[in-house]
Amino acid sequence: MTRANAWAAITVKKTTTRTTHPRYKTISGSASQTTFQRVATAAAKRLLKPDQLAESELFGHVEGAFTGADRTRLGSFEAAQHGTLFLDEISEMSRGLQAKLLRVLEAGEIQRLGSDQRQHVDVRVLAATNRDLRVEIDRKRFRADLFYRINVLHIHLPPLRERPEDIPPLVDFFVRQYRHESVSDVQGVAPQVLETLMEYHWPGNIRELRNVIHRACILCKTGVLQVGDIATRELSDRPAELGDFRDLSLAEMERRAIRHALRKHAGNKTAAARHLGVTSRTLHNKLNRDVELRKAS
């Protein structure tokens, strides 16, 4: 494997990578314009005789290798030759298969199930997980030697709520995707829509955003997405968090503003203080004095 050092371990909030990132082939180098193969290791794990089927998925098999193997099949490593192989949810891979994967990475060769011949492979590999692999190592569920082999370049993708600046390009991507698929003829998005989407905390991450835009594109009648098109119970709860201030005491107004800032910044008190225009010390003192706010933090 001539690019055996071209490993990237990606840690993500669940649903992020599977939803959009495999669509983008923006890695520099010759492999970026060639084959891109994705293997969902968690899906293989749920199948009957998972090790055998998952091994066949990765390395291929020859005719007669096991019951039902009526023809020779290329594995994902061979299919991705001179390109990129994306191993999704690598933490779900069995320890036995982890050992075989490690040998392939070290030797740069694969062996199809049922064959005694080895095949040279030249593949760039990306691996993604929503688990902390160091914790998985401590729990004896992930091999330390494989971790140190794959952890050449670590890319952490935070949950969507921590990167609202990504929402406008993602919305644009989904709108264009659904227009291309003839789901709708939506041509644009009103600024108020983006403001609403960027204020929401997205517990379902990018998958939830995609579904909201999909629904909105179906419902839209004007060619430009409006706030009314994305109205769902979840999104409509967002402004209610601050509510109508006319009947609130000053203390309750302040309490709601602090809660909103803490939620918007995922509990990061420094970022929340910056959002509110106060010092971290001031916010800390207010949280200590208010029992309800301490619960929210």
Protein backbone atom coordinates (compact mmCIF):
# COMPACT_ATOMS: atom_id res chain seq x y z
CA MET A 1 0.00 0.00 0.00
CA THR A 2 2.09 2.92 -1.26
CA ARG A 3 -0.14 5.45 0.49
CA ALA A 4 -0.37 3.47 3.71
CA ASN A 5 0.40 6.67 5.63
CA ALA A 6 -2.59 8.42 4.07
CA TRP A 7 -4.94 7.50 6.86
CA ALA A 8 -7.47 9.86 8.39
CA ALA A 9 -9.46 8.93 11.48
CA ILE A 10 -12.65 10.98 11.63
CA THR A 11 -14.64 11.31 14.85
CA VAL A 12 -18.14 12.63 14.40
CA LYS A 13 -21.44 13.20 16.06
CA LYS A 14 -23.69 10.35 14.96
CA THR A 15 -25.37 10.84 11.53
CA THR A 16 -22.96 13.52 10.33
CA THR A 17 -20.58 11.57 8.15
CA ARG A 18 -23.09 9.11 6.73
CA THR A 19 -25.40 11.89 5.59
CA THR A 20 -23.17 14.11 3.50
CA HIS A 21 -19.43 13.74 3.82
CA PRO A 22 -18.94 10.63 1.61
CA ARG A 23 -20.42 12.69 -1.24
CA TYR A 24 -17.48 15.06 -1.26
CA LYS A 25 -14.17 13.99 -2.82
CA THR A 26 -12.10 17.01 -1.91
CA ILE A 27 -8.97 15.24 -0.70
CA SER A 28 -5.85 16.48 -2.45
CA GLY A 29 -3.71 14.10 -4.48
CA SER A 30 -4.19 11.71 -7.38
CA ALA A 31 -6.72 9.55 -5.57
CA SER A 32 -9.14 12.43 -5.09
CA GLN A 33 -10.44 12.17 -8.65
CA THR A 34 -10.75 8.37 -8.75
CA THR A 35 -12.78 5.62 -7.10
CA PHE A 36 -14.51 6.26 -3.77
CA GLN A 37 -15.76 3.16 -1.91
CA ARG A 38 -17.78 3.19 1.33
CA VAL A 39 -18.10 0.27 3.74
CA ALA A 40 -20.68 0.43 6.54
CA THR A 41 -19.07 -1.89 9.08
CA ALA A 42 -22.00 -1.63 11.51
CA ALA A 43 -24.37 -2.95 8.84
CA ALA A 44 -22.11 -5.93 8.17
CA LYS A 45 -21.93 -6.65 11.89
CA ARG A 46 -25.71 -7.11 12.06
CA LEU A 47 -25.69 -9.79 9.34
CA LEU A 48 -25.54 -13.55 9.82
CA LYS A 49 -21.96 -14.75 10.32
CA PRO A 50 -20.78 -11.13 10.39
CA ASP A 51 -17.02 -11.76 10.39
CA GLN A 52 -17.18 -13.86 7.24
CA LEU A 53 -19.48 -11.49 5.38
CA ALA A 54 -17.66 -8.38 6.58
CA GLU A 55 -14.33 -9.94 5.56
CA SER A 56 -15.78 -10.71 2.13
CA GLU A 57 -17.03 -7.12 1.89
CA LEU A 58 -13.54 -5.78 2.56
CA PHE A 59 -11.29 -8.34 0.90
CA GLY A 60 -13.53 -10.25 -1.52
CA HIS A 61 -13.92 -14.00 -1.98
CA VAL A 62 -13.46 -16.69 -4.60
CA GLU A 63 -16.13 -19.05 -5.87
CA GLY A 64 -16.91 -21.76 -3.33
CA ALA A 65 -15.26 -19.93 -0.40
CA PHE A 66 -18.40 -20.43 1.71
CA THR A 67 -22.02 -21.46 1.32
CA GLY A 68 -23.65 -19.16 -1.18
CA ALA A 69 -20.38 -17.97 -2.75
CA ASP A 70 -21.39 -19.01 -6.28
CA ARG A 71 -18.97 -16.63 -7.98
CA THR A 72 -15.78 -14.69 -7.32
CA ARG A 73 -16.35 -11.25 -5.88
CA LEU A 74 -14.04 -8.25 -5.57
CA GLY A 75 -13.81 -6.70 -2.12
CA SER A 76 -13.91 -2.99 -1.35
CA PHE A 77 -10.12 -2.71 -1.15
CA GLU A 78 -9.72 -3.97 -4.71
CA ALA A 79 -12.69 -1.95 -5.95
CA ALA A 80 -11.07 1.19 -4.50
CA GLN A 81 -7.68 0.49 -6.10
CA HIS A 82 -5.78 3.78 -6.62
CA GLY A 83 -8.67 5.57 -4.96
CA THR A 84 -10.22 6.08 -1.50
CA LEU A 85 -11.88 3.60 0.84
CA PHE A 86 -14.18 5.00 3.54
CA LEU A 87 -14.74 2.72 6.56
CA ASP A 88 -17.84 4.01 8.32
CA GLU A 89 -18.29 3.20 12.04
CA ILE A 90 -14.98 1.38 12.32
CA SER A 91 -15.54 1.03 16.08
CA GLU A 92 -18.27 -1.54 15.32
CA MET A 93 -15.81 -3.88 13.60
CA SER A 94 -15.14 -7.14 15.46
CA ARG A 95 -11.71 -7.56 17.01
CA GLY A 96 -10.99 -10.51 14.73
CA LEU A 97 -11.62 -8.42 11.65
CA GLN A 98 -9.63 -5.56 13.18
CA ALA A 99 -6.59 -7.86 13.31
CA LYS A 100 -6.99 -8.77 9.63
CA LEU A 101 -7.43 -5.12 8.68
CA LEU A 102 -4.24 -4.24 10.56
CA ARG A 103 -2.31 -6.90 8.64
CA VAL A 104 -3.57 -5.50 5.34
CA LEU A 105 -2.51 -1.99 6.31
CA GLU A 106 0.93 -3.14 7.33
CA ALA A 107 1.58 -5.40 4.34
CA GLY A 108 -0.32 -3.49 1.62
CA GLU A 109 -1.81 -6.80 0.46
CA ILE A 110 -5.22 -8.45 0.71
CA GLN A 111 -6.19 -12.10 0.44
CA ARG A 112 -9.64 -13.02 -0.80
CA LEU A 113 -11.62 -15.49 1.27
CA GLY A 114 -10.92 -19.02 0.01
CA SER A 115 -7.79 -18.01 -1.91
CA ASP A 116 -4.11 -18.54 -1.11
CA GLN A 117 -3.02 -15.71 -3.42
CA ARG A 118 -2.26 -12.20 -2.21
CA GLN A 119 -3.19 -9.05 -4.12
CA HIS A 120 -1.29 -5.76 -3.83
CA VAL A 121 -3.53 -2.77 -3.09
CA ASP A 122 -2.86 0.97 -3.31
CA VAL A 123 -5.67 2.67 -1.44
CA ARG A 124 -6.13 5.78 0.67
CA VAL A 125 -8.29 4.93 3.70
CA LEU A 126 -10.62 7.10 5.74
CA ALA A 127 -12.25 5.75 8.90
CA ALA A 128 -15.10 7.35 10.84
CA THR A 129 -16.55 6.69 14.28
CA ASN A 130 -18.91 8.37 16.72
CA ARG A 131 -17.17 6.72 19.67
CA ASP A 132 -14.02 7.62 21.57
CA LEU A 133 -11.62 4.91 20.40
CA ARG A 134 -9.36 5.38 23.42
CA VAL A 135 -12.31 4.50 25.65
CA GLU A 136 -13.08 1.53 23.40
CA ILE A 137 -9.45 0.39 23.82
CA ASP A 138 -9.76 0.57 27.62
CA ARG A 139 -12.94 -1.53 27.38
CA LYS A 140 -11.11 -4.12 25.22
CA ARG A 141 -13.42 -3.47 22.26
CA PHE A 142 -10.87 -1.87 19.94
CA ARG A 143 -7.28 -2.88 19.29
CA ALA A 144 -4.66 -0.38 20.42
CA ASP A 145 -2.27 -1.34 17.62
CA LEU A 146 -4.94 -0.67 14.97
CA PHE A 147 -5.78 2.65 16.59
CA TYR A 148 -2.17 3.84 16.46
CA ARG A 149 -1.93 2.64 12.86
CA ILE A 150 -4.97 4.56 11.66
CA ASN A 151 -4.63 7.68 13.81
CA VAL A 152 -2.25 9.43 11.40
CA LEU A 153 -4.50 12.41 10.75
CA HIS A 154 -7.37 12.97 13.15
CA ILE A 155 -10.30 15.11 11.98
CA HIS A 156 -12.98 15.93 14.54
CA LEU A 157 -16.36 16.98 13.14
CA PRO A 158 -18.44 18.62 15.90
CA PRO A 159 -22.23 18.28 16.02
CA LEU A 160 -24.14 20.73 13.86
CA ARG A 161 -25.23 22.87 16.82
CA GLU A 162 -21.57 23.79 17.40
CA ARG A 163 -21.00 24.97 13.82
CA PRO A 164 -24.08 26.96 12.72
CA GLU A 165 -21.96 28.66 10.04
CA ASP A 166 -22.11 25.35 8.14
CA ILE A 167 -25.91 25.47 7.91
CA PRO A 168 -26.23 27.90 4.92
CA PRO A 169 -23.96 25.84 2.60
CA LEU A 170 -25.63 22.63 3.73
CA VAL A 171 -29.07 24.06 3.03
CA ASP A 172 -27.88 25.17 -0.40
CA PHE A 173 -26.52 21.68 -1.04
CA PHE A 174 -29.80 19.99 -0.08
CA VAL A 175 -31.93 22.43 -2.08
CA ARG A 176 -29.81 21.81 -5.18
CA GLN A 177 -29.89 18.06 -4.55
CA TYR A 178 -33.69 17.93 -4.37
CA ARG A 179 -34.00 20.17 -7.40
CA HIS A 180 -31.67 17.83 -9.30
CA GLU A 181 -33.76 14.84 -8.18
CA SER A 182 -36.90 16.66 -9.41
CA VAL A 183 -38.36 16.67 -5.90
CA SER A 184 -38.99 20.41 -6.26
CA ASP A 185 -38.14 23.46 -8.34
CA VAL A 186 -37.04 25.60 -5.36
CA GLN A 187 -34.46 28.14 -6.52
CA GLY A 188 -33.52 29.92 -3.31
CA VAL A 189 -33.92 30.40 0.44
CA ALA A 190 -35.20 33.50 2.24
CA PRO A 191 -32.68 35.01 4.73
CA GLN A 192 -35.20 34.59 7.58
CA VAL A 193 -35.16 30.84 6.96
CA LEU A 194 -31.41 30.64 7.44
CA GLU A 195 -31.65 32.75 10.61
CA THR A 196 -34.28 30.37 12.02
CA LEU A 197 -32.28 27.28 11.10
CA MET A 198 -29.07 28.68 12.59
CA GLU A 199 -30.81 29.38 15.92
CA TYR A 200 -32.09 25.81 16.29
CA HIS A 201 -30.00 23.30 18.28
CA TRP A 202 -30.42 20.30 15.88
CA PRO A 203 -30.49 17.26 18.19
CA GLY A 204 -30.84 15.08 15.07
CA ASN A 205 -27.79 16.71 13.45
CA ILE A 206 -27.45 16.90 9.66
CA ARG A 207 -29.97 14.12 9.08
CA GLU A 208 -32.63 16.25 10.80
CA LEU A 209 -31.64 19.32 8.76
CA ARG A 210 -31.81 17.30 5.55
CA ASN A 211 -35.30 16.04 6.38
CA VAL A 212 -36.53 19.54 7.27
CA ILE A 213 -35.26 20.89 3.93
CA HIS A 214 -36.72 17.89 2.07
CA ARG A 215 -40.14 18.53 3.61
CA ALA A 216 -39.87 22.26 2.95
CA CYS A 217 -38.98 21.71 -0.71
CA ILE A 218 -42.06 19.55 -1.14
CA LEU A 219 -44.35 22.09 0.53
CA CYS A 220 -42.89 25.23 -1.04
CA LYS A 221 -45.21 26.87 -3.61
CA THR A 222 -43.24 30.03 -4.44
CA GLY A 223 -39.83 28.78 -5.62
CA VAL A 224 -38.13 30.39 -2.59
CA LEU A 225 -38.22 28.69 0.81
CA GLN A 226 -39.99 30.79 3.43
CA VAL A 227 -40.22 30.40 7.20
CA GLY A 228 -43.72 28.98 6.81
CA ASP A 229 -42.35 26.16 4.67
CA ILE A 230 -40.02 24.91 7.41
CA ALA A 231 -42.52 25.27 10.26
CA THR A 232 -42.41 22.14 12.40
CA ARG A 233 -43.22 21.68 16.06
CA GLU A 234 -39.51 21.30 16.87
CA LEU A 235 -38.45 24.46 15.08
CA SER A 236 -41.41 26.46 16.35
CA ASP A 237 -40.29 25.67 19.90
CA ARG A 238 -37.16 27.78 19.34
CA PRO A 239 -38.70 31.27 19.62
CA ALA A 240 -40.87 30.08 22.52
CA GLU A 241 -37.67 29.62 24.50
CA LEU A 242 -37.37 33.40 24.69
CA GLY A 243 -41.08 34.08 24.37
CA ASP A 244 -43.05 37.33 24.60
CA PHE A 245 -41.22 39.59 27.07
CA ARG A 246 -44.15 41.93 27.73
CA ASP A 247 -45.51 39.93 30.68
CA LEU A 248 -42.20 38.82 32.13
CA SER A 249 -40.23 40.19 35.04
CA LEU A 250 -36.73 41.49 34.36
CA ALA A 251 -35.28 38.54 36.26
CA GLU A 252 -37.20 36.03 34.10
CA MET A 253 -36.19 37.83 30.90
CA GLU A 254 -32.56 37.58 31.97
CA ARG A 255 -32.98 33.92 32.95
CA ARG A 256 -34.47 33.01 29.56
CA ALA A 257 -31.76 34.90 27.68
CA ILE A 258 -29.04 33.03 29.61
CA ARG A 259 -30.73 29.66 29.00
CA HIS A 260 -30.96 30.45 25.30
CA ALA A 261 -27.28 31.42 25.10
CA LEU A 262 -26.20 28.27 26.95
CA ARG A 263 -28.25 26.06 24.66
CA LYS A 264 -27.06 27.86 21.53
CA HIS A 265 -23.43 27.28 22.54
CA ALA A 266 -23.94 23.72 23.85
CA GLY A 267 -23.22 24.66 27.47
CA ASN A 268 -19.98 26.51 26.68
CA LYS A 269 -20.09 29.27 29.30
CA THR A 270 -17.32 31.36 27.74
CA ALA A 271 -19.09 31.42 24.37
CA ALA A 272 -22.45 32.05 26.06
CA ALA A 273 -21.01 35.02 27.99
CA ARG A 274 -19.60 36.45 24.75
CA HIS A 275 -23.01 35.99 23.11
CA LEU A 276 -24.70 37.86 25.98
CA GLY A 277 -22.12 40.65 26.00
CA VAL A 278 -20.98 40.02 29.58
CA THR A 279 -17.78 38.70 31.12
CA SER A 280 -17.40 35.03 32.01
CA ARG A 281 -17.14 36.03 35.67
CA THR A 282 -20.48 37.87 35.50
CA LEU A 283 -22.20 34.86 33.92
CA HIS A 284 -20.59 32.53 36.47
CA ASN A 285 -21.91 34.67 39.34
CA LYS A 286 -25.44 34.74 37.89
CA LEU A 287 -25.45 30.98 37.49
CA ASN A 288 -24.30 30.48 41.08
CA ARG A 289 -27.02 32.77 42.43
CA ASP A 290 -29.91 31.22 40.48
CA VAL A 291 -30.91 27.63 41.26
CA GLU A 292 -32.89 27.21 38.00
CA LEU A 293 -30.00 28.49 35.91
CA ARG A 294 -27.58 26.14 37.64
CA LYS A 295 -29.81 23.26 36.50
CA ALA A 296 -29.78 24.61 32.92
CA SER A 297 -25.98 24.84 32.88
